[in-house]
Amino acid sequence: HRHADSKAEGFVLLRGSVGFVAMDDNGKVDDAGLVLISRESGNIGLDCRGGTWHTFFALEPDTVIFEIKSGPFDAKTDKQFAEWAPAENTTEALVYLAELEDRIRRRFQLRRREWEIPR
């Protein structure tokens, strides 16, 4: 997703680790768009410019972040979903998430993903 109103978004890691992925307008990801947020990496926070296509996900159980965005919040206009991305809560979305997580794990030499895609 991205924030169509061009609001910046930031978050600070409180516990665990997070993979962050930024994409271009066509959904392409390069290594510069991959960020590991963890105590071990030395990156414990991130500021994402408004209008940037992105996603982020927990890499460990019980991961906790503190997210910061300027208000007011309106769920109807907060996020714009990419036409090139699979719909949420679908098998295609799980496959896409697995591919992104695997890419982060390879890039930062982390252990393999522990969860499987339901068949």
C-alpha atoms as a PDB file:
ATOM      1  CA  HIS A   1       0.000   0.000   0.000  1.00  0.00           C
ATOM      2  CA  ARG A   2       0.883   3.658   0.028  1.00  0.00           C
ATOM      3  CA  HIS A   3      -0.626   6.656   1.678  1.00  0.00           C
ATOM      4  CA  ALA A   4      -2.332   8.496  -1.151  1.00  0.00           C
ATOM      5  CA  ASP A   5      -2.522  11.748   0.761  1.00  0.00           C
ATOM      6  CA  SER A   6       1.308  11.769   0.798  1.00  0.00           C
ATOM      7  CA  LYS A   7       1.482  11.515   4.573  1.00  0.00           C
ATOM      8  CA  ALA A   8       4.784  10.231   5.853  1.00  0.00           C
ATOM      9  CA  GLU A   9       4.712   7.203   8.125  1.00  0.00           C
ATOM     10  CA  GLY A  10       7.260   6.189  10.684  1.00  0.00           C
ATOM     11  CA  PHE A  11       7.675   3.433  13.174  1.00  0.00           C
ATOM     12  CA  VAL A  12       9.964   2.477  16.007  1.00  0.00           C
ATOM     13  CA  LEU A  13      10.710  -1.117  16.931  1.00  0.00           C
ATOM     14  CA  LEU A  14       9.896  -1.979  20.521  1.00  0.00           C
ATOM     15  CA  ARG A  15      10.472  -5.759  20.367  1.00  0.00           C
ATOM     16  CA  GLY A  16      11.350  -8.396  17.769  1.00  0.00           C
ATOM     17  CA  SER A  17      12.248  -7.660  14.154  1.00  0.00           C
ATOM     18  CA  VAL A  18      10.539  -6.342  11.028  1.00  0.00           C
ATOM     19  CA  GLY A  19      11.175  -6.624   7.314  1.00  0.00           C
ATOM     20  CA  PHE A  20      10.368  -3.456   5.329  1.00  0.00           C
ATOM     21  CA  VAL A  21      10.001  -3.479   1.539  1.00  0.00           C
ATOM     22  CA  ALA A  22       9.639  -0.402  -0.703  1.00  0.00           C
ATOM     23  CA  MET A  23       8.509  -0.799  -4.324  1.00  0.00           C
ATOM     24  CA  ASP A  24       8.393   1.408  -7.399  1.00  0.00           C
ATOM     25  CA  ASP A  25       5.127   2.332  -9.140  1.00  0.00           C
ATOM     26  CA  ASN A  26       5.171  -0.992 -11.040  1.00  0.00           C
ATOM     27  CA  GLY A  27       5.779  -3.126  -7.953  1.00  0.00           C
ATOM     28  CA  LYS A  28       9.459  -3.704  -8.663  1.00  0.00           C
ATOM     29  CA  VAL A  29      11.708  -4.175  -5.631  1.00  0.00           C
ATOM     30  CA  ASP A  30      15.451  -3.730  -5.614  1.00  0.00           C
ATOM     31  CA  ASP A  31      17.835  -4.405  -2.736  1.00  0.00           C
ATOM     32  CA  ALA A  32      17.876  -0.705  -1.785  1.00  0.00           C
ATOM     33  CA  GLY A  33      14.172  -1.084  -0.958  1.00  0.00           C
ATOM     34  CA  LEU A  34      14.807  -3.848   1.594  1.00  0.00           C
ATOM     35  CA  VAL A  35      15.371  -2.873   5.215  1.00  0.00           C
ATOM     36  CA  LEU A  36      15.845  -5.041   8.284  1.00  0.00           C
ATOM     37  CA  ILE A  37      14.578  -3.387  11.447  1.00  0.00           C
ATOM     38  CA  SER A  38      16.097  -5.125  14.474  1.00  0.00           C
ATOM     39  CA  ARG A  39      18.298  -4.447  17.468  1.00  0.00           C
ATOM     40  CA  GLU A  40      21.002  -6.633  15.905  1.00  0.00           C
ATOM     41  CA  SER A  41      21.037  -4.640  12.650  1.00  0.00           C
ATOM     42  CA  GLY A  42      21.261  -1.319  14.504  1.00  0.00           C
ATOM     43  CA  ASN A  43      18.126  -0.066  12.696  1.00  0.00           C
ATOM     44  CA  ILE A  44      15.383   0.341  15.256  1.00  0.00           C
ATOM     45  CA  GLY A  45      13.158   2.715  13.333  1.00  0.00           C
ATOM     46  CA  LEU A  46      12.193   3.859   9.894  1.00  0.00           C
ATOM     47  CA  ASP A  47      10.647   6.922   8.265  1.00  0.00           C
ATOM     48  CA  CYS A  48       8.748   6.204   5.038  1.00  0.00           C
ATOM     49  CA  ARG A  49       8.066   9.160   2.746  1.00  0.00           C
ATOM     50  CA  GLY A  50       4.456   9.758   1.756  1.00  0.00           C
ATOM     51  CA  GLY A  51       3.454   8.275  -1.584  1.00  0.00           C
ATOM     52  CA  THR A  52       5.976   5.395  -1.357  1.00  0.00           C
ATOM     53  CA  TRP A  53       4.605   1.918  -2.118  1.00  0.00           C
ATOM     54  CA  HIS A  54       5.603  -0.283   0.815  1.00  0.00           C
ATOM     55  CA  THR A  55       4.828  -3.140   3.119  1.00  0.00           C
ATOM     56  CA  PHE A  56       6.327  -4.394   6.340  1.00  0.00           C
ATOM     57  CA  PHE A  57       5.925  -7.569   8.341  1.00  0.00           C
ATOM     58  CA  ALA A  58       7.061  -9.204  11.561  1.00  0.00           C
ATOM     59  CA  LEU A  59       9.978 -11.601  11.264  1.00  0.00           C
ATOM     60  CA  GLU A  60       9.668 -12.929  14.816  1.00  0.00           C
ATOM     61  CA  PRO A  61       6.738 -13.870  17.043  1.00  0.00           C
ATOM     62  CA  ASP A  62       5.623 -11.177  19.489  1.00  0.00           C
ATOM     63  CA  THR A  63       7.159  -8.351  17.443  1.00  0.00           C
ATOM     64  CA  VAL A  64       5.875  -4.937  18.548  1.00  0.00           C
ATOM     65  CA  ILE A  65       6.227  -1.577  16.768  1.00  0.00           C
ATOM     66  CA  PHE A  66       5.042   1.940  17.528  1.00  0.00           C
ATOM     67  CA  GLU A  67       3.639   3.535  14.356  1.00  0.00           C
ATOM     68  CA  ILE A  68       3.512   7.302  13.847  1.00  0.00           C
ATOM     69  CA  LYS A  69       1.457   9.204  11.248  1.00  0.00           C
ATOM     70  CA  SER A  70       0.028  12.685  11.241  1.00  0.00           C
ATOM     71  CA  GLY A  71      -3.729  12.905  11.686  1.00  0.00           C
ATOM     72  CA  PRO A  72      -6.524  12.958  11.385  1.00  0.00           C
ATOM     73  CA  PHE A  73      -6.934   9.255  10.602  1.00  0.00           C
ATOM     74  CA  ASP A  74      -9.674   8.239   8.164  1.00  0.00           C
ATOM     75  CA  ALA A  75      -9.786   4.497   7.410  1.00  0.00           C
ATOM     76  CA  LYS A  76     -11.568   5.172   4.102  1.00  0.00           C
ATOM     77  CA  THR A  77      -8.726   7.286   2.701  1.00  0.00           C
ATOM     78  CA  ASP A  78      -5.683   6.193   4.735  1.00  0.00           C
ATOM     79  CA  LYS A  79      -4.310   3.608   2.288  1.00  0.00           C
ATOM     80  CA  GLN A  80      -4.232   3.127  -1.444  1.00  0.00           C
ATOM     81  CA  PHE A  81      -3.711  -0.479  -2.537  1.00  0.00           C
ATOM     82  CA  ALA A  82      -1.680  -1.248  -5.659  1.00  0.00           C
ATOM     83  CA  GLU A  83      -3.438  -2.773  -8.644  1.00  0.00           C
ATOM     84  CA  TRP A  84      -0.385  -5.001  -9.232  1.00  0.00           C
ATOM     85  CA  ALA A  85      -0.524  -6.483  -5.721  1.00  0.00           C
ATOM     86  CA  PRO A  86      -2.716  -9.483  -4.859  1.00  0.00           C
ATOM     87  CA  ALA A  87      -5.873  -8.842  -2.821  1.00  0.00           C
ATOM     88  CA  GLU A  88      -5.542  -9.146   0.960  1.00  0.00           C
ATOM     89  CA  ASN A  89      -6.548 -12.413   2.650  1.00  0.00           C
ATOM     90  CA  THR A  90      -6.058 -14.545  -0.476  1.00  0.00           C
ATOM     91  CA  THR A  91      -3.728 -17.433  -1.229  1.00  0.00           C
ATOM     92  CA  GLU A  92      -2.019 -15.214  -3.807  1.00  0.00           C
ATOM     93  CA  ALA A  93      -1.325 -12.648  -1.084  1.00  0.00           C
ATOM     94  CA  LEU A  94       0.261 -15.317   1.135  1.00  0.00           C
ATOM     95  CA  VAL A  95       2.487 -16.446  -1.749  1.00  0.00           C
ATOM     96  CA  TYR A  96       3.490 -12.817  -2.409  1.00  0.00           C
ATOM     97  CA  LEU A  97       4.235 -12.231   1.296  1.00  0.00           C
ATOM     98  CA  ALA A  98       6.297 -15.444   1.456  1.00  0.00           C
ATOM     99  CA  GLU A  99       8.353 -14.310  -1.553  1.00  0.00           C
ATOM    100  CA  LEU A 100       9.007 -10.895   0.019  1.00  0.00           C
ATOM    101  CA  GLU A 101       9.893 -12.400   3.390  1.00  0.00           C
ATOM    102  CA  ASP A 102      12.213 -14.954   1.769  1.00  0.00           C
ATOM    103  CA  ARG A 103      13.931 -12.148  -0.132  1.00  0.00           C
ATOM    104  CA  ILE A 104      14.508 -10.166   3.092  1.00  0.00           C
ATOM    105  CA  ARG A 105      15.787 -13.290   4.856  1.00  0.00           C
ATOM    106  CA  ARG A 106      18.250 -14.079   2.023  1.00  0.00           C
ATOM    107  CA  ARG A 107      19.423 -10.447   1.745  1.00  0.00           C
ATOM    108  CA  PHE A 108      20.191 -10.185   5.462  1.00  0.00           C
ATOM    109  CA  GLN A 109      21.281 -13.825   5.941  1.00  0.00           C
ATOM    110  CA  LEU A 110      18.509 -14.664   8.393  1.00  0.00           C
ATOM    111  CA  ARG A 111      17.260 -18.158   9.165  1.00  0.00           C
ATOM    112  CA  ARG A 112      14.556 -19.606   6.911  1.00  0.00           C
ATOM    113  CA  ARG A 113      10.904 -18.647   7.207  1.00  0.00           C
ATOM    114  CA  GLU A 114       9.111 -20.862   9.738  1.00  0.00           C
ATOM    115  CA  TRP A 115       5.563 -20.654   8.398  1.00  0.00           C
ATOM    116  CA  GLU A 116       4.136 -22.480   5.403  1.00  0.00           C
ATOM    117  CA  ILE A 117       1.513 -21.420   2.893  1.00  0.00           C
ATOM    118  CA  PRO A 118      -1.704 -23.354   3.600  1.00  0.00           C
ATOM    119  CA  ARG A 119      -2.696 -25.673   0.751  1.00  0.00           C
END
